[in-house]
Amino acid sequence: MLCYEVTAQGQAIPKAQIKHDMPVLCSAWNHDGTAVFSGGCDNQVKKWDLATNTPTQVAQHDAPVRHLSWIPDVNLLVTGGWDKTLKYWAGAYTRRLFSLNVSTFGGICRVS
């Protein structure tokens, strides 16, 4: 995954990059733009600190992660995967607060 800075003249300058072991399916910025969350076919969610260019695994599913959303008001990361679960992660991200199996609803359509 690549992050670009776009200048006032419209020029895109590569600034940083991280790698997942499999394709990335979703991403979201944190509240102040200093980090990006990404999830994908490696079943992982990573937080990418743009200041240090350091990725950290912060969440895990049993199947690819299809959707994620950062909720700044409550310092919460919500992830949805093809394992048919919604997972809610605390501010430190690696501590799962709650997991909801949504298989009876036909799976995850979108997390926002």
N, C-alpha and C. Protein backbone atom coordinates (compact mmCIF):
# COMPACT_ATOMS: atom_id res chain seq x y z
N MET A 1 0.85 -1.15 0.00
CA MET A 1 0.00 0.00 0.00
C MET A 1 0.90 1.22 0.00
N LEU A 2 0.58 2.19 -0.84
CA LEU A 2 1.37 3.41 -0.98
C LEU A 2 0.60 4.62 -0.48
N CYS A 3 1.34 5.58 0.07
CA CYS A 3 0.76 6.84 0.50
C CYS A 3 1.47 7.96 -0.24
N TYR A 4 0.68 8.83 -0.88
CA TYR A 4 1.22 9.93 -1.66
C TYR A 4 0.84 11.26 -1.03
N GLU A 5 1.71 12.25 -1.21
CA GLU A 5 1.38 13.63 -0.90
C GLU A 5 1.06 14.29 -2.23
N VAL A 6 -0.07 14.97 -2.29
CA VAL A 6 -0.46 15.67 -3.51
C VAL A 6 -0.21 17.15 -3.30
N THR A 7 0.64 17.73 -4.14
CA THR A 7 0.99 19.14 -4.01
C THR A 7 -0.14 20.02 -4.53
N ALA A 8 -0.03 21.31 -4.27
CA ALA A 8 -1.03 22.27 -4.75
C ALA A 8 -1.10 22.28 -6.27
N GLN A 9 -0.02 21.88 -6.93
CA GLN A 9 0.02 21.84 -8.39
C GLN A 9 -0.54 20.52 -8.93
N GLY A 10 -0.97 19.62 -8.04
CA GLY A 10 -1.54 18.35 -8.46
C GLY A 10 -0.53 17.24 -8.67
N GLN A 11 0.73 17.47 -8.31
CA GLN A 11 1.75 16.43 -8.45
C GLN A 11 1.69 15.47 -7.27
N ALA A 12 1.68 14.17 -7.56
CA ALA A 12 1.64 13.14 -6.52
C ALA A 12 3.06 12.68 -6.21
N ILE A 13 3.46 12.82 -4.94
CA ILE A 13 4.81 12.46 -4.52
C ILE A 13 4.70 11.27 -3.56
N PRO A 14 5.33 10.12 -3.88
CA PRO A 14 5.29 8.98 -2.96
C PRO A 14 5.96 9.35 -1.63
N LYS A 15 5.28 9.05 -0.51
CA LYS A 15 5.82 9.40 0.80
C LYS A 15 6.19 8.17 1.64
N ALA A 16 5.42 7.11 1.55
CA ALA A 16 5.69 5.94 2.38
C ALA A 16 4.93 4.74 1.81
N GLN A 17 5.33 3.56 2.25
CA GLN A 17 4.62 2.35 1.83
C GLN A 17 4.77 1.24 2.86
N ILE A 18 3.76 0.37 2.91
CA ILE A 18 3.83 -0.83 3.72
C ILE A 18 3.34 -1.99 2.87
N LYS A 19 3.55 -3.18 3.38
CA LYS A 19 3.17 -4.35 2.62
C LYS A 19 2.35 -5.31 3.49
N HIS A 20 1.27 -5.80 2.91
CA HIS A 20 0.52 -6.92 3.47
C HIS A 20 1.01 -8.16 2.72
N ASP A 21 0.80 -9.33 3.29
CA ASP A 21 1.20 -10.57 2.63
C ASP A 21 0.27 -10.94 1.48
N MET A 22 -0.93 -10.36 1.46
CA MET A 22 -1.94 -10.63 0.44
C MET A 22 -2.56 -9.30 0.03
N PRO A 23 -3.46 -9.27 -0.96
CA PRO A 23 -4.06 -8.00 -1.40
C PRO A 23 -4.81 -7.27 -0.28
N VAL A 24 -4.75 -5.95 -0.33
CA VAL A 24 -5.46 -5.07 0.60
C VAL A 24 -6.86 -4.82 0.04
N LEU A 25 -7.88 -4.95 0.88
CA LEU A 25 -9.27 -4.78 0.44
C LEU A 25 -9.92 -3.51 0.98
N CYS A 26 -9.36 -2.94 2.06
CA CYS A 26 -9.99 -1.76 2.65
C CYS A 26 -8.95 -0.94 3.41
N SER A 27 -9.27 0.34 3.60
CA SER A 27 -8.39 1.22 4.38
C SER A 27 -9.21 2.38 4.92
N ALA A 28 -8.66 3.01 5.97
CA ALA A 28 -9.31 4.18 6.57
C ALA A 28 -8.25 5.00 7.31
N TRP A 29 -8.39 6.31 7.25
CA TRP A 29 -7.51 7.21 7.99
C TRP A 29 -7.95 7.27 9.45
N ASN A 30 -6.98 7.54 10.35
CA ASN A 30 -7.36 7.83 11.73
C ASN A 30 -7.83 9.28 11.80
N HIS A 31 -8.23 9.74 12.96
CA HIS A 31 -8.88 11.05 13.10
C HIS A 31 -7.98 12.24 12.78
N ASP A 32 -6.68 12.13 12.98
CA ASP A 32 -5.82 13.29 12.75
C ASP A 32 -4.89 13.14 11.54
N GLY A 33 -5.07 12.09 10.77
CA GLY A 33 -4.30 11.91 9.55
C GLY A 33 -2.88 11.44 9.74
N THR A 34 -2.52 10.99 10.93
CA THR A 34 -1.15 10.54 11.18
C THR A 34 -0.98 9.04 10.95
N ALA A 35 -2.08 8.33 10.74
CA ALA A 35 -2.00 6.89 10.55
C ALA A 35 -3.11 6.42 9.61
N VAL A 36 -2.85 5.27 8.98
CA VAL A 36 -3.83 4.64 8.11
C VAL A 36 -4.01 3.20 8.58
N PHE A 37 -5.26 2.75 8.64
CA PHE A 37 -5.57 1.36 8.93
C PHE A 37 -5.83 0.66 7.61
N SER A 38 -5.35 -0.58 7.48
CA SER A 38 -5.60 -1.34 6.26
C SER A 38 -5.91 -2.79 6.62
N GLY A 39 -6.78 -3.39 5.83
CA GLY A 39 -7.15 -4.78 6.05
C GLY A 39 -7.24 -5.50 4.72
N GLY A 40 -7.06 -6.82 4.76
CA GLY A 40 -7.11 -7.51 3.50
C GLY A 40 -7.15 -9.02 3.59
N CYS A 41 -6.70 -9.64 2.52
CA CYS A 41 -6.80 -11.09 2.35
C CYS A 41 -5.85 -11.88 3.24
N ASP A 42 -4.94 -11.22 3.95
CA ASP A 42 -4.08 -11.91 4.92
C ASP A 42 -4.76 -12.02 6.29
N ASN A 43 -6.04 -11.61 6.36
CA ASN A 43 -6.86 -11.68 7.58
C ASN A 43 -6.42 -10.70 8.66
N GLN A 44 -5.54 -9.79 8.34
CA GLN A 44 -4.98 -8.86 9.33
C GLN A 44 -5.47 -7.44 9.10
N VAL A 45 -5.47 -6.66 10.19
CA VAL A 45 -5.62 -5.22 10.11
C VAL A 45 -4.33 -4.63 10.64
N LYS A 46 -3.75 -3.71 9.87
CA LYS A 46 -2.52 -3.06 10.29
C LYS A 46 -2.76 -1.57 10.46
N LYS A 47 -2.09 -1.00 11.47
CA LYS A 47 -2.06 0.44 11.64
C LYS A 47 -0.71 0.91 11.13
N TRP A 48 -0.74 1.82 10.20
CA TRP A 48 0.48 2.32 9.57
C TRP A 48 0.74 3.72 10.09
N ASP A 49 1.75 3.87 10.95
CA ASP A 49 2.15 5.17 11.49
C ASP A 49 2.96 5.88 10.41
N LEU A 50 2.41 6.96 9.86
CA LEU A 50 3.05 7.64 8.73
C LEU A 50 4.30 8.42 9.14
N ALA A 51 4.39 8.86 10.40
CA ALA A 51 5.57 9.60 10.85
C ALA A 51 6.81 8.71 10.91
N THR A 52 6.61 7.46 11.31
CA THR A 52 7.74 6.54 11.45
C THR A 52 7.79 5.50 10.33
N ASN A 53 6.75 5.48 9.48
CA ASN A 53 6.61 4.49 8.41
C ASN A 53 6.64 3.07 8.98
N THR A 54 6.00 2.91 10.15
CA THR A 54 6.00 1.62 10.84
C THR A 54 4.60 1.02 10.85
N PRO A 55 4.45 -0.19 10.28
CA PRO A 55 3.16 -0.88 10.38
C PRO A 55 3.13 -1.77 11.62
N THR A 56 1.97 -1.84 12.26
CA THR A 56 1.76 -2.71 13.41
C THR A 56 0.45 -3.45 13.21
N GLN A 57 0.47 -4.77 13.39
CA GLN A 57 -0.77 -5.52 13.31
C GLN A 57 -1.59 -5.20 14.55
N VAL A 58 -2.85 -4.78 14.32
CA VAL A 58 -3.69 -4.38 15.44
C VAL A 58 -4.97 -5.21 15.57
N ALA A 59 -5.28 -6.02 14.57
CA ALA A 59 -6.50 -6.83 14.62
C ALA A 59 -6.34 -8.05 13.72
N GLN A 60 -7.20 -9.04 13.96
CA GLN A 60 -7.12 -10.30 13.22
C GLN A 60 -8.53 -10.87 13.03
N HIS A 61 -8.79 -11.42 11.87
CA HIS A 61 -10.02 -12.15 11.59
C HIS A 61 -9.64 -13.57 11.15
N ASP A 62 -10.63 -14.44 11.01
CA ASP A 62 -10.40 -15.81 10.55
C ASP A 62 -10.53 -15.94 9.04
N ALA A 63 -10.84 -14.85 8.36
CA ALA A 63 -10.98 -14.80 6.91
C ALA A 63 -10.61 -13.36 6.50
N PRO A 64 -10.54 -13.05 5.20
CA PRO A 64 -10.17 -11.70 4.79
C PRO A 64 -11.01 -10.61 5.44
N VAL A 65 -10.34 -9.49 5.73
CA VAL A 65 -10.99 -8.31 6.30
C VAL A 65 -11.50 -7.46 5.15
N ARG A 66 -12.81 -7.27 5.09
CA ARG A 66 -13.41 -6.60 3.95
C ARG A 66 -13.73 -5.13 4.21
N HIS A 67 -14.03 -4.78 5.45
CA HIS A 67 -14.38 -3.39 5.79
C HIS A 67 -13.77 -3.02 7.13
N LEU A 68 -13.46 -1.73 7.28
CA LEU A 68 -13.04 -1.22 8.58
C LEU A 68 -13.40 0.24 8.67
N SER A 69 -13.55 0.70 9.89
CA SER A 69 -13.90 2.09 10.12
C SER A 69 -13.32 2.56 11.45
N TRP A 70 -12.73 3.72 11.44
CA TRP A 70 -12.20 4.35 12.65
C TRP A 70 -13.27 5.30 13.18
N ILE A 71 -13.63 5.18 14.46
CA ILE A 71 -14.64 6.04 15.08
C ILE A 71 -13.93 6.90 16.13
N PRO A 72 -13.55 8.13 15.78
CA PRO A 72 -12.72 8.95 16.67
C PRO A 72 -13.41 9.37 17.96
N ASP A 73 -14.72 9.55 17.94
CA ASP A 73 -15.43 10.02 19.14
C ASP A 73 -15.27 9.09 20.33
N VAL A 74 -15.12 7.80 20.05
CA VAL A 74 -14.99 6.81 21.13
C VAL A 74 -13.68 6.03 21.05
N ASN A 75 -12.75 6.49 20.18
CA ASN A 75 -11.43 5.86 20.06
C ASN A 75 -11.57 4.37 19.78
N LEU A 76 -12.33 4.03 18.72
CA LEU A 76 -12.70 2.66 18.45
C LEU A 76 -12.46 2.32 16.98
N LEU A 77 -11.95 1.13 16.74
CA LEU A 77 -11.80 0.60 15.40
C LEU A 77 -12.80 -0.54 15.23
N VAL A 78 -13.59 -0.49 14.16
CA VAL A 78 -14.57 -1.54 13.87
C VAL A 78 -14.13 -2.23 12.59
N THR A 79 -14.08 -3.57 12.62
CA THR A 79 -13.67 -4.33 11.44
C THR A 79 -14.74 -5.36 11.09
N GLY A 80 -14.88 -5.62 9.81
CA GLY A 80 -15.82 -6.63 9.33
C GLY A 80 -15.11 -7.53 8.35
N GLY A 81 -15.30 -8.84 8.52
CA GLY A 81 -14.58 -9.78 7.66
C GLY A 81 -15.47 -10.79 6.98
N TRP A 82 -14.88 -11.50 6.04
CA TRP A 82 -15.59 -12.57 5.34
C TRP A 82 -15.80 -13.77 6.26
N ASP A 83 -15.30 -13.69 7.50
CA ASP A 83 -15.63 -14.72 8.49
C ASP A 83 -16.99 -14.44 9.13
N LYS A 84 -17.68 -13.43 8.58
CA LYS A 84 -19.04 -13.05 9.01
C LYS A 84 -19.07 -12.55 10.45
N THR A 85 -18.03 -11.80 10.83
CA THR A 85 -18.01 -11.20 12.16
C THR A 85 -17.72 -9.70 12.05
N LEU A 86 -18.33 -8.96 12.96
CA LEU A 86 -17.97 -7.57 13.22
C LEU A 86 -17.17 -7.59 14.51
N LYS A 87 -16.04 -6.91 14.52
CA LYS A 87 -15.22 -6.87 15.73
C LYS A 87 -14.94 -5.42 16.08
N TYR A 88 -14.99 -5.14 17.38
CA TYR A 88 -14.78 -3.81 17.91
C TYR A 88 -13.49 -3.83 18.74
N TRP A 89 -12.57 -2.92 18.42
CA TRP A 89 -11.25 -2.91 19.03
C TRP A 89 -11.05 -1.64 19.83
N ALA A 90 -10.48 -1.76 21.04
CA ALA A 90 -10.25 -0.62 21.94
C ALA A 90 -9.17 0.29 21.38
N GLY A 91 -9.00 1.45 22.01
CA GLY A 91 -8.05 2.47 21.57
C GLY A 91 -6.65 1.96 21.35
N ALA A 92 -6.21 1.00 22.13
CA ALA A 92 -4.88 0.41 21.90
C ALA A 92 -4.92 -0.60 20.75
N TYR A 93 -6.14 -0.85 20.25
CA TYR A 93 -6.44 -1.64 19.06
C TYR A 93 -6.24 -3.13 19.21
N THR A 94 -5.26 -3.58 19.93
CA THR A 94 -5.01 -5.02 19.99
C THR A 94 -5.93 -5.73 20.98
N ARG A 95 -6.75 -4.98 21.70
CA ARG A 95 -7.67 -5.59 22.66
C ARG A 95 -9.09 -5.56 22.07
N ARG A 96 -9.58 -6.75 21.72
CA ARG A 96 -10.92 -6.83 21.16
C ARG A 96 -11.95 -6.64 22.27
N LEU A 97 -12.84 -5.70 22.09
CA LEU A 97 -13.88 -5.43 23.08
C LEU A 97 -15.10 -6.32 22.88
N PHE A 98 -15.43 -6.58 21.61
CA PHE A 98 -16.68 -7.24 21.32
C PHE A 98 -16.60 -7.86 19.93
N SER A 99 -17.24 -9.00 19.76
CA SER A 99 -17.32 -9.65 18.46
C SER A 99 -18.75 -10.09 18.23
N LEU A 100 -19.27 -9.81 17.05
CA LEU A 100 -20.64 -10.14 16.72
C LEU A 100 -20.67 -11.00 15.47
N ASN A 101 -21.24 -12.20 15.58
CA ASN A 101 -21.39 -13.08 14.42
C ASN A 101 -22.63 -12.63 13.67
N VAL A 102 -22.45 -12.29 12.40
CA VAL A 102 -23.57 -11.78 11.61
C VAL A 102 -23.97 -12.76 10.50
N SER A 103 -23.63 -14.04 10.66
CA SER A 103 -23.94 -15.02 9.63
C SER A 103 -25.44 -15.16 9.40
N THR A 104 -26.24 -14.90 10.42
CA THR A 104 -27.70 -15.01 10.25
C THR A 104 -28.24 -13.87 9.40
N PHE A 105 -27.42 -12.80 9.23
CA PHE A 105 -27.84 -11.67 8.40
C PHE A 105 -27.27 -11.76 6.99
N GLY A 106 -26.57 -12.84 6.67
CA GLY A 106 -26.00 -13.01 5.34
C GLY A 106 -24.62 -12.42 5.18
N GLY A 107 -23.98 -11.98 6.26
CA GLY A 107 -22.62 -11.47 6.18
C GLY A 107 -22.56 -9.96 6.29
N ILE A 108 -21.37 -9.42 6.11
CA ILE A 108 -21.10 -7.99 6.26
C ILE A 108 -21.26 -7.31 4.91
N CYS A 109 -22.05 -6.27 4.86
CA CYS A 109 -22.18 -5.49 3.62
C CYS A 109 -21.26 -4.28 3.66
N ARG A 110 -21.23 -3.56 4.79
CA ARG A 110 -20.39 -2.37 4.92
C ARG A 110 -20.29 -1.96 6.37
N VAL A 111 -19.11 -1.47 6.76
CA VAL A 111 -18.89 -0.94 8.10
C VAL A 111 -18.62 0.55 7.92
N SER A 112 -19.41 1.40 8.58
CA SER A 112 -19.15 2.85 8.49
C SER A 112 -19.75 3.55 9.67
